[in-house]
Amino acid sequence: MLKDVYGKSLNTNIEDIIKKYSNMNTSELEPRRTWRGFKELILVDKVKECEDIISFYFKDKEGKKLVKHKAGQYLPMKIKTEDSRYNEEIRTYSLSMKPNEYIYRISVKKMGNGLISSYLHNELKIGDSIEAMVPTGLFVLEDNKKDKPVVLISAGIGITPLISMLYEGIEDFKNVSFIQAVQNSKIQPFNYDIRKIAEINELKNYVFYSSPLEGDVEGKDYDYTGFISKEWIEDNLDLNSEFYFCGPPPFMKNLNKSLIQLGVSRKNIHFEFFGEPQLME
């Protein structure tokens, strides 16, 4: 048995992980497994994205191909160590890179005294291993709607599943908009990646700073001061789009409410929310 992030016991299988973190029926899962239980992955690189956020790159320890995840899915994992403080702890981190069969990237924010995030940031070194289950999750781009505009909206560390969606969506979908809400340039992950994608592709990219630093310049470093409002959405986005978003619960609840009030169909609203679905209303 493993303990989840709330300290309750949890069976080590994908169905239980799905129920806990996706708020969806496990019958919707596609039979995509290529391994059961845990596989050992080795850390091959560790990159600081911004203050408090580090990306970790993992490969199969035996050099075998990995399961190609769907953009937006997460990686259930645990620390491989003899230290009993960590052995029964499981976490799920969104995969934050373009889906592929060779390398997984998770990007982790250090959460104060968070047990696992602190270990990853401070203790895990290149060459060390973790144990991971097959990537899973139902917060993914809908392939049957490639003819519709797609809007990806992130706040804070909620960007991790959405940056993966961006890498994939910019190639497979006709019209993609990406909106990132952060406090300021000091804590803005993947800024370089998004700007480069926008330069190369026809990406509509918008950045909101809620608390810009003295050196942050509106119109250069970011586009808008403040928060994403219902009025801004109405004036700047196609309400017939497929909307995907992730971020802190208050941000998500307000965004969901705004979209519904603007007449966006619930079937076109997609989000990753780690809590009871009714709390989004």
Protein backbone atom coordinates (compact mmCIF):
# COMPACT_ATOMS: atom_id res chain seq x y z
CA MET A 1 0.00 0.00 0.00
CA LEU A 2 1.02 3.60 -0.65
CA LYS A 3 -0.07 6.84 0.95
CA ASP A 4 -1.40 9.56 -1.29
CA VAL A 5 -0.83 13.27 -0.73
CA TYR A 6 -3.62 13.34 1.86
CA GLY A 7 -2.07 10.54 3.89
CA LYS A 8 -4.74 7.94 3.11
CA SER A 9 -3.95 4.45 1.93
CA LEU A 10 -4.10 3.89 -1.81
CA ASN A 11 -3.75 0.73 -3.89
CA THR A 12 -0.94 0.87 -6.42
CA ASN A 13 -2.97 0.71 -9.60
CA ILE A 14 -3.94 3.17 -12.31
CA GLU A 15 -7.68 2.97 -11.63
CA ASP A 16 -7.25 4.30 -8.10
CA ILE A 17 -4.91 7.05 -9.28
CA ILE A 18 -7.45 8.10 -11.91
CA LYS A 19 -10.30 8.21 -9.42
CA LYS A 20 -8.27 10.31 -7.02
CA TYR A 21 -6.90 12.89 -9.42
CA SER A 22 -9.03 13.11 -12.57
CA ASN A 23 -12.60 13.21 -11.24
CA MET A 24 -13.63 10.94 -14.10
CA ASN A 25 -14.85 7.41 -14.69
CA THR A 26 -12.03 4.92 -15.20
CA SER A 27 -14.10 3.21 -17.90
CA GLU A 28 -13.14 6.13 -20.16
CA LEU A 29 -9.48 5.12 -20.01
CA GLU A 30 -7.95 3.66 -23.14
CA PRO A 31 -6.06 0.36 -22.70
CA ARG A 32 -2.62 1.90 -23.31
CA ARG A 33 -0.51 0.24 -20.61
CA THR A 34 2.84 -1.25 -21.48
CA TRP A 35 3.91 -1.89 -17.90
CA ARG A 36 2.12 -2.64 -14.66
CA GLY A 37 3.07 -1.28 -11.29
CA PHE A 38 6.27 0.73 -11.10
CA LYS A 39 9.13 1.14 -13.56
CA GLU A 40 12.54 2.54 -12.60
CA LEU A 41 13.44 5.79 -14.36
CA ILE A 42 16.81 7.51 -14.13
CA LEU A 43 17.33 11.27 -13.87
CA VAL A 44 19.41 12.53 -16.81
CA ASP A 45 19.03 16.29 -16.39
CA LYS A 46 17.80 18.87 -13.91
CA VAL A 47 17.02 22.42 -15.09
CA LYS A 48 15.87 25.46 -13.11
CA GLU A 49 12.95 27.09 -14.93
CA CYS A 50 12.45 30.01 -12.55
CA GLU A 51 12.37 30.67 -8.82
CA ASP A 52 11.05 27.58 -6.98
CA ILE A 53 10.42 25.53 -10.16
CA ILE A 54 12.82 22.89 -11.48
CA SER A 55 12.35 20.55 -14.43
CA PHE A 56 13.50 16.93 -14.12
CA TYR A 57 14.25 14.79 -17.19
CA PHE A 58 13.96 11.01 -16.89
CA LYS A 59 14.76 8.05 -19.13
CA ASP A 60 14.13 4.35 -18.76
CA LYS A 61 16.96 2.89 -16.69
CA GLU A 62 17.45 0.07 -19.21
CA GLY A 63 17.36 2.40 -22.21
CA LYS A 64 14.04 1.04 -23.47
CA LYS A 65 11.33 3.13 -25.09
CA LEU A 66 8.75 4.71 -22.81
CA VAL A 67 4.99 4.93 -23.29
CA LYS A 68 4.23 7.99 -25.40
CA HIS A 69 1.98 9.98 -23.10
CA LYS A 70 -0.91 12.15 -24.24
CA ALA A 71 -0.36 15.88 -23.79
CA GLY A 72 -1.89 16.88 -20.46
CA GLN A 73 -1.35 13.57 -18.67
CA TYR A 74 0.56 13.12 -15.44
CA LEU A 75 3.16 10.72 -14.07
CA PRO A 76 2.40 8.92 -10.79
CA MET A 77 5.75 8.42 -9.04
CA LYS A 78 7.56 7.74 -5.80
CA ILE A 79 11.10 8.26 -4.58
CA LYS A 80 13.49 5.31 -4.81
CA THR A 81 15.32 5.39 -1.51
CA GLU A 82 15.89 3.36 1.63
CA ASP A 83 14.72 6.28 3.77
CA SER A 84 11.41 5.22 5.30
CA ARG A 85 10.10 8.80 5.27
CA TYR A 86 9.66 8.59 1.51
CA ASN A 87 9.06 4.95 0.70
CA GLU A 88 5.27 5.01 0.97
CA GLU A 89 4.68 8.47 -0.49
CA ILE A 90 3.24 8.85 -3.98
CA ARG A 91 2.83 12.03 -6.01
CA THR A 92 1.46 12.83 -9.45
CA TYR A 93 3.23 15.45 -11.58
CA SER A 94 2.06 16.57 -15.01
CA LEU A 95 4.39 15.74 -17.87
CA SER A 96 5.51 19.10 -19.21
CA MET A 97 7.07 18.37 -22.58
CA LYS A 98 6.07 17.26 -26.05
CA PRO A 99 4.84 13.66 -25.99
CA ASN A 100 7.55 11.22 -27.05
CA GLU A 101 8.87 7.72 -26.38
CA TYR A 102 12.33 8.58 -25.09
CA ILE A 103 12.22 11.03 -22.21
CA TYR A 104 9.77 12.31 -19.60
CA ARG A 105 9.92 15.77 -18.07
CA ILE A 106 8.14 16.86 -14.92
CA SER A 107 8.41 20.43 -13.65
CA VAL A 108 8.01 20.72 -9.90
CA LYS A 109 7.39 23.72 -7.69
CA LYS A 110 9.00 23.51 -4.25
CA MET A 111 6.09 23.72 -1.83
CA GLY A 112 7.41 25.18 1.42
CA ASN A 113 8.08 22.17 3.61
CA GLY A 114 6.63 19.77 1.03
CA LEU A 115 8.21 16.38 1.62
CA ILE A 116 8.59 15.14 -1.95
CA SER A 117 9.05 18.47 -3.74
CA SER A 118 11.82 19.36 -1.27
CA TYR A 119 13.51 16.01 -1.84
CA LEU A 120 13.37 16.42 -5.61
CA HIS A 121 14.76 19.96 -5.45
CA ASN A 122 17.42 19.40 -2.82
CA GLU A 123 18.39 15.73 -2.88
CA LEU A 124 17.71 14.10 -6.23
CA LYS A 125 20.82 14.14 -8.39
CA ILE A 126 21.55 13.22 -11.99
CA GLY A 127 21.97 9.45 -12.08
CA ASP A 128 19.48 8.88 -9.25
CA SER A 129 16.27 6.97 -9.85
CA ILE A 130 12.57 7.29 -9.20
CA GLU A 131 9.85 4.66 -9.62
CA ALA A 132 6.96 5.60 -11.88
CA MET A 133 3.69 4.18 -13.07
CA VAL A 134 2.52 4.53 -16.66
CA PRO A 135 1.41 8.13 -17.51
CA THR A 136 -2.30 8.61 -17.10
CA GLY A 137 -5.07 11.19 -16.86
CA LEU A 138 -8.06 12.31 -18.92
CA PHE A 139 -7.24 16.02 -19.15
CA VAL A 140 -6.08 15.82 -22.77
CA LEU A 141 -6.71 17.54 -26.08
CA GLU A 142 -9.73 16.17 -27.90
CA ASP A 143 -8.47 14.82 -31.21
CA ASN A 144 -11.89 14.84 -32.83
CA LYS A 145 -12.13 18.65 -32.56
CA LYS A 146 -9.01 19.70 -34.49
CA ASP A 147 -11.05 22.03 -36.68
CA LYS A 148 -12.06 24.18 -33.69
CA PRO A 149 -10.00 26.99 -32.09
CA VAL A 150 -8.19 25.94 -28.91
CA VAL A 151 -7.56 28.21 -25.92
CA LEU A 152 -5.03 27.11 -23.28
CA ILE A 153 -5.10 29.10 -20.04
CA SER A 154 -2.66 28.59 -17.16
CA ALA A 155 -1.92 30.17 -13.81
CA GLY A 156 1.25 29.51 -11.83
CA ILE A 157 2.47 25.92 -11.80
CA GLY A 158 -0.79 24.96 -13.53
CA ILE A 159 1.12 25.58 -16.74
CA THR A 160 2.72 22.12 -16.69
CA PRO A 161 -0.02 20.10 -18.47
CA LEU A 162 -0.80 23.04 -20.74
CA ILE A 163 2.75 23.54 -22.01
CA SER A 164 2.67 19.90 -23.10
CA MET A 165 -0.65 20.57 -24.84
CA LEU A 166 0.92 23.60 -26.52
CA TYR A 167 3.82 21.60 -27.95
CA GLU A 168 1.35 19.12 -29.44
CA GLY A 169 -1.49 21.48 -30.28
CA ILE A 170 0.58 23.94 -32.26
CA GLU A 171 1.32 21.16 -34.75
CA ASP A 172 -2.05 19.41 -34.85
CA PHE A 173 -4.63 22.18 -34.40
CA LYS A 174 -5.33 25.11 -36.71
CA ASN A 175 -5.90 27.96 -34.26
CA VAL A 176 -4.26 27.97 -30.81
CA SER A 177 -4.20 30.72 -28.17
CA PHE A 178 -2.03 30.49 -25.06
CA ILE A 179 -2.63 32.61 -21.97
CA GLN A 180 -0.29 32.59 -18.99
CA ALA A 181 -1.10 34.29 -15.69
CA VAL A 182 1.71 34.70 -13.15
CA GLN A 183 2.75 37.24 -10.53
CA ASN A 184 5.82 38.56 -12.35
CA SER A 185 8.91 37.67 -14.40
CA LYS A 186 10.65 36.12 -11.40
CA ILE A 187 8.19 33.24 -11.28
CA GLN A 188 7.29 32.80 -14.94
CA PRO A 189 8.20 29.26 -16.08
CA PHE A 190 8.72 28.41 -19.75
CA ASN A 191 8.74 32.03 -20.86
CA TYR A 192 11.51 31.37 -23.40
CA ASP A 193 9.84 28.24 -24.75
CA ILE A 194 6.50 29.97 -25.30
CA ARG A 195 8.05 33.03 -26.96
CA LYS A 196 10.02 30.83 -29.36
CA ILE A 197 6.93 28.80 -30.24
CA ALA A 198 5.02 32.04 -30.85
CA GLU A 199 7.79 33.34 -33.13
CA ILE A 200 7.88 30.21 -35.26
CA ASN A 201 4.18 29.41 -35.34
CA GLU A 202 0.95 31.36 -35.60
CA LEU A 203 0.38 31.39 -31.86
CA LYS A 204 -1.69 34.02 -30.10
CA ASN A 205 0.20 34.46 -26.85
CA TYR A 206 -0.98 36.61 -23.93
CA VAL A 207 0.79 37.13 -20.58
CA PHE A 208 -0.76 38.60 -17.42
CA TYR A 209 1.31 39.82 -14.44
CA SER A 210 -0.69 40.37 -11.25
CA SER A 211 2.24 41.88 -9.30
CA PRO A 212 4.90 43.06 -11.79
CA LEU A 213 8.37 43.85 -10.51
CA GLU A 214 9.83 47.32 -10.84
CA GLY A 215 11.82 46.23 -13.88
CA ASP A 216 8.94 44.41 -15.61
CA VAL A 217 7.76 46.44 -18.60
CA GLU A 218 4.18 46.14 -19.83
CA GLY A 219 4.09 45.67 -23.58
CA LYS A 220 7.56 44.12 -23.58
CA ASP A 221 7.86 41.55 -20.80
CA TYR A 222 4.12 40.99 -20.47
CA ASP A 223 0.85 42.15 -22.02
CA TYR A 224 -1.55 43.00 -19.20
CA THR A 225 -1.37 43.99 -15.53
CA GLY A 226 -3.92 42.33 -13.28
CA PHE A 227 -6.04 39.23 -13.72
CA ILE A 228 -7.90 37.50 -16.53
CA SER A 229 -11.41 38.92 -16.39
CA LYS A 230 -14.70 37.92 -17.95
CA GLU A 231 -14.69 41.15 -19.93
CA TRP A 232 -11.21 40.47 -21.31
CA ILE A 233 -12.24 36.97 -22.38
CA GLU A 234 -15.31 38.31 -24.13
CA ASP A 235 -13.32 40.99 -25.98
CA ASN A 236 -10.29 38.89 -26.97
CA LEU A 237 -11.19 35.23 -27.33
CA ASP A 238 -13.43 33.19 -29.61
CA LEU A 239 -16.16 31.86 -27.34
CA ASN A 240 -16.74 28.95 -29.71
CA SER A 241 -13.29 27.60 -28.83
CA GLU A 242 -12.37 24.53 -26.82
CA PHE A 243 -11.10 25.89 -23.49
CA TYR A 244 -8.48 24.03 -21.43
CA PHE A 245 -7.21 25.47 -18.14
CA CYS A 246 -5.34 24.63 -14.96
CA GLY A 247 -4.15 26.63 -11.94
CA PRO A 248 -4.96 27.39 -8.30
CA PRO A 249 -8.55 26.53 -7.27
CA PRO A 250 -9.79 30.16 -6.93
CA PHE A 251 -8.43 30.99 -10.40
CA MET A 252 -10.08 27.94 -11.91
CA LYS A 253 -13.40 28.48 -10.19
CA ASN A 254 -13.60 32.11 -11.35
CA LEU A 255 -12.56 31.22 -14.88
CA ASN A 256 -15.07 28.40 -15.11
CA LYS A 257 -17.82 30.71 -13.84
CA SER A 258 -16.89 33.43 -16.35
CA LEU A 259 -16.93 31.03 -19.30
CA ILE A 260 -20.34 29.65 -18.34
CA GLN A 261 -21.75 33.16 -17.88
CA LEU A 262 -20.44 34.08 -21.32
CA GLY A 263 -22.39 31.21 -22.81
CA VAL A 264 -19.55 28.77 -23.45
CA SER A 265 -20.93 25.24 -23.60
CA ARG A 266 -19.87 23.06 -20.68
CA LYS A 267 -18.82 20.37 -23.16
CA ASN A 268 -16.22 22.83 -24.50
CA ILE A 269 -14.76 23.54 -21.05
CA HIS A 270 -11.95 21.24 -19.90
CA PHE A 271 -9.93 21.53 -16.70
CA GLU A 272 -7.72 19.65 -14.25
CA PHE A 273 -9.04 20.16 -10.73
CA PHE A 274 -7.75 18.16 -7.76
CA GLY A 275 -10.91 18.21 -5.71
CA GLU A 276 -14.63 17.50 -5.86
CA PRO A 277 -16.07 18.64 -9.24
CA GLN A 278 -18.99 20.44 -7.59
CA LEU A 279 -16.55 22.82 -5.92
CA MET A 280 -15.94 24.35 -9.34
CA GLU A 281 -19.51 25.64 -9.53
